[in-house]
Amino acid sequence: MDIHFLLQLPVANLLWLDYMTKVLQNVLLINCSELTYSQLTW
């Protein structure tokens, strides 16, 4: 699939943004829980 073609589609754009937001939220959650865990065990 061509990325430029996907970027021209509003729906695909929204889905991509939604997906990236969820991924970022998961990464932040994992990082926060790891930091908390390391602080507790430290």
N, C-alpha and C. Protein backbone atom coordinates (compact mmCIF):
# COMPACT_ATOMS: atom_id res chain seq x y z
N MET A 1 0.83 -1.21 0.00
CA MET A 1 0.00 0.00 0.00
C MET A 1 0.86 1.25 0.00
N ASP A 2 0.37 2.25 -0.71
CA ASP A 2 1.11 3.51 -0.77
C ASP A 2 0.68 4.41 0.38
N ILE A 3 1.64 4.87 1.15
CA ILE A 3 1.34 5.70 2.32
C ILE A 3 0.71 7.02 1.89
N HIS A 4 1.18 7.60 0.80
CA HIS A 4 0.62 8.87 0.32
C HIS A 4 -0.85 8.71 -0.02
N PHE A 5 -1.20 7.56 -0.56
CA PHE A 5 -2.61 7.30 -0.89
C PHE A 5 -3.43 7.23 0.39
N LEU A 6 -2.88 6.60 1.41
CA LEU A 6 -3.59 6.49 2.68
C LEU A 6 -3.77 7.85 3.34
N LEU A 7 -2.75 8.68 3.24
CA LEU A 7 -2.81 10.00 3.88
C LEU A 7 -3.88 10.88 3.24
N GLN A 8 -4.23 10.59 2.00
CA GLN A 8 -5.24 11.40 1.32
C GLN A 8 -6.66 11.00 1.75
N LEU A 9 -6.79 9.87 2.39
CA LEU A 9 -8.10 9.43 2.83
C LEU A 9 -8.36 9.90 4.26
N PRO A 10 -9.39 10.71 4.46
CA PRO A 10 -9.71 11.23 5.80
C PRO A 10 -9.99 10.12 6.80
N VAL A 11 -10.74 9.11 6.38
CA VAL A 11 -11.09 8.02 7.29
C VAL A 11 -9.85 7.27 7.73
N ALA A 12 -8.99 6.95 6.78
CA ALA A 12 -7.76 6.24 7.11
C ALA A 12 -6.89 7.09 8.02
N ASN A 13 -6.91 8.39 7.79
CA ASN A 13 -6.14 9.32 8.61
C ASN A 13 -6.62 9.27 10.05
N LEU A 14 -7.94 9.30 10.23
CA LEU A 14 -8.51 9.27 11.58
C LEU A 14 -8.20 7.93 12.25
N LEU A 15 -8.31 6.86 11.51
CA LEU A 15 -8.01 5.54 12.08
C LEU A 15 -6.54 5.47 12.48
N TRP A 16 -5.67 6.01 11.65
CA TRP A 16 -4.24 6.02 11.94
C TRP A 16 -3.94 6.83 13.19
N LEU A 17 -4.57 8.02 13.31
CA LEU A 17 -4.38 8.85 14.49
C LEU A 17 -4.89 8.14 15.73
N ASP A 18 -6.04 7.50 15.61
CA ASP A 18 -6.63 6.78 16.73
C ASP A 18 -5.71 5.64 17.16
N TYR A 19 -5.16 4.94 16.16
CA TYR A 19 -4.25 3.82 16.45
C TYR A 19 -2.99 4.32 17.14
N MET A 20 -2.40 5.38 16.61
CA MET A 20 -1.17 5.92 17.19
C MET A 20 -1.41 6.45 18.60
N THR A 21 -2.58 7.05 18.82
CA THR A 21 -2.90 7.55 20.15
C THR A 21 -2.95 6.39 21.15
N LYS A 22 -3.58 5.29 20.75
CA LYS A 22 -3.68 4.13 21.64
C LYS A 22 -2.30 3.55 21.90
N VAL A 23 -1.48 3.49 20.88
CA VAL A 23 -0.13 2.96 21.05
C VAL A 23 0.67 3.82 22.02
N LEU A 24 0.58 5.13 21.82
CA LEU A 24 1.31 6.06 22.71
C LEU A 24 0.80 5.95 24.14
N GLN A 25 -0.50 5.82 24.31
CA GLN A 25 -1.07 5.68 25.64
C GLN A 25 -0.55 4.41 26.30
N ASN A 26 -0.49 3.32 25.54
CA ASN A 26 0.01 2.06 26.08
C ASN A 26 1.47 2.18 26.48
N VAL A 27 2.26 2.85 25.65
CA VAL A 27 3.68 3.03 25.95
C VAL A 27 3.84 3.85 27.22
N LEU A 28 3.06 4.92 27.33
CA LEU A 28 3.14 5.77 28.52
C LEU A 28 2.70 5.00 29.75
N LEU A 29 1.64 4.21 29.64
CA LEU A 29 1.17 3.43 30.76
C LEU A 29 2.23 2.43 31.22
N ILE A 30 2.85 1.76 30.25
CA ILE A 30 3.89 0.78 30.57
C ILE A 30 5.07 1.47 31.24
N ASN A 31 5.49 2.61 30.70
CA ASN A 31 6.61 3.34 31.27
C ASN A 31 6.29 3.80 32.69
N CYS A 32 5.10 4.31 32.90
CA CYS A 32 4.71 4.80 34.22
C CYS A 32 4.67 3.65 35.21
N SER A 33 4.09 2.52 34.83
CA SER A 33 3.99 1.39 35.74
C SER A 33 5.38 0.82 36.04
N GLU A 34 6.26 0.84 35.05
CA GLU A 34 7.62 0.35 35.27
C GLU A 34 8.37 1.27 36.22
N LEU A 35 8.16 2.58 36.04
CA LEU A 35 8.81 3.54 36.94
C LEU A 35 8.31 3.37 38.36
N THR A 36 7.00 3.22 38.50
CA THR A 36 6.42 3.03 39.83
C THR A 36 6.94 1.74 40.44
N TYR A 37 7.01 0.71 39.64
CA TYR A 37 7.46 -0.59 40.12
C TYR A 37 8.92 -0.52 40.58
N SER A 38 9.73 0.14 39.78
CA SER A 38 11.15 0.23 40.13
C SER A 38 11.33 1.08 41.40
N GLN A 39 10.47 2.08 41.57
CA GLN A 39 10.55 2.90 42.79
C GLN A 39 10.14 2.08 44.01
N LEU A 40 9.12 1.26 43.84
CA LEU A 40 8.65 0.44 44.96
C LEU A 40 9.68 -0.59 45.36
N THR A 41 10.33 -1.20 44.38
CA THR A 41 11.29 -2.25 44.67
C THR A 41 12.64 -1.68 45.05
N TRP A 42 12.84 -0.41 44.75
CA TRP A 42 14.12 0.20 45.08
C TRP A 42 14.09 0.61 46.54
